[in-house]
Structure formats: C-alpha cells, structure tokens
C-alpha atoms as a PDB file:
ATOM      1  CA  MET A   1      21.604 -11.488 -20.169  1.00  0.00           C
ATOM      2  CA  THR A   2      19.794  -9.890 -22.972  1.00  0.00           C
ATOM      3  CA  GLU A   3      18.924  -6.231 -23.031  1.00  0.00           C
ATOM      4  CA  MET A   4      15.199  -6.897 -22.585  1.00  0.00           C
ATOM      5  CA  THR A   5      15.766  -9.117 -19.551  1.00  0.00           C
ATOM      6  CA  LEU A   6      17.902  -6.480 -17.904  1.00  0.00           C
ATOM      7  CA  MET A   7      15.303  -3.799 -18.611  1.00  0.00           C
ATOM      8  CA  LEU A   8      12.521  -5.954 -17.114  1.00  0.00           C
ATOM      9  CA  LEU A   9      14.642  -6.699 -14.061  1.00  0.00           C
ATOM     10  CA  VAL A  10      15.291  -3.011 -13.454  1.00  0.00           C
ATOM     11  CA  ALA A  11      11.606  -2.158 -14.002  1.00  0.00           C
ATOM     12  CA  GLY A  12      10.576  -4.840 -11.500  1.00  0.00           C
ATOM     13  CA  LEU A  13      13.028  -3.559  -8.911  1.00  0.00           C
ATOM     14  CA  VAL A  14      11.823   0.019  -9.389  1.00  0.00           C
ATOM     15  CA  LEU A  15       8.198  -1.059  -8.939  1.00  0.00           C
ATOM     16  CA  ALA A  16       9.103  -3.013  -5.804  1.00  0.00           C
ATOM     17  CA  VAL A  17      10.878   0.008  -4.305  1.00  0.00           C
ATOM     18  CA  VAL A  18       7.907   2.255  -5.132  1.00  0.00           C
ATOM     19  CA  ALA A  19       5.464  -0.227  -3.552  1.00  0.00           C
ATOM     20  CA  LEU A  20       7.612  -0.438  -0.433  1.00  0.00           C
ATOM     21  CA  GLY A  21       7.730   3.361  -0.278  1.00  0.00           C
ATOM     22  CA  VAL A  22       3.946   3.647  -0.555  1.00  0.00           C
ATOM     23  CA  PHE A  23       3.512   1.036   2.180  1.00  0.00           C
ATOM     24  CA  ALA A  24       5.985   2.831   4.461  1.00  0.00           C
ATOM     25  CA  TYR A  25       4.233   6.167   3.845  1.00  0.00           C
ATOM     26  CA  ALA A  26       0.817   4.671   4.670  1.00  0.00           C
ATOM     27  CA  ALA A  27       2.175   3.034   7.811  1.00  0.00           C
ATOM     28  CA  ARG A  28       3.688   6.324   9.001  1.00  0.00           C
ATOM     29  CA  GLN A  29       0.413   8.167   8.349  1.00  0.00           C
ATOM     30  CA  GLY A  30      -1.507   5.741  10.575  1.00  0.00           C
ATOM     31  CA  GLN A  31      -3.516   3.941   7.902  1.00  0.00           C
ATOM     32  CA  PHE A  32      -3.002   0.571   9.599  1.00  0.00           C
ATOM     33  CA  ASP A  33      -3.441   1.645  13.220  1.00  0.00           C
ATOM     34  CA  ASP A  34      -6.960   0.363  13.904  1.00  0.00           C
ATOM     35  CA  LEU A  35      -8.206  -1.986  11.199  1.00  0.00           C
ATOM     36  CA  GLU A  36     -10.933  -3.532  13.347  1.00  0.00           C
ATOM     37  CA  GLU A  37     -12.682  -0.233  14.124  1.00  0.00           C
ATOM     38  CA  VAL A  38     -13.728   0.421  10.523  1.00  0.00           C
ATOM     39  CA  LYS A  39     -16.177  -2.465  10.322  1.00  0.00           C
ATOM     40  CA  PHE A  40     -18.103  -1.183  13.352  1.00  0.00           C
ATOM     41  CA  GLN A  41     -18.442   2.436  12.180  1.00  0.00           C
ATOM     42  CA  MET A  42     -21.606   1.786  10.175  1.00  0.00           C
ATOM     43  CA  PHE A  43     -23.424   0.647  13.325  1.00  0.00           C
ATOM     44  CA  ARG A  44     -22.635   3.906  15.147  1.00  0.00           C
ATOM     45  CA  GLU A  45     -23.648   6.302  12.372  1.00  0.00           C
ATOM     46  CA  GLU A  46     -27.096   7.798  12.693  1.00  0.00           C
ATOM     47  CA  THR A  47     -29.606   7.104   9.954  1.00  0.00           C
ATOM     48  CA  ARG A  48     -30.929  10.080   8.020  1.00  0.00           C
END
C-alpha cells in the first residue's frame, strides 16, 4: 500500500470511531428517546 492510501485508511477509521462515539453519547443523553413527540409540540404551544 502506498503512504497516501494508508493515511486515508487511518483517517477514515478515526472519523468512523468519532461518529460512533458521538452517536453513543447522544443515545446515552436521551436524544433518541421520544422521536414522535417532537412533531406534536407545535400544536400544544400557545400562540403569542
């Protein structure tokens, strides 16, 4: 493998690990708990 290919492979793996870490963090914080509720919030808010 050439040096550039190896560098791109490592960069891709690092980005994949970071994306997985961000997803795991969001899942632990409850960001994906109730996805259906968000679309109904605008109907419950009072108009000004």
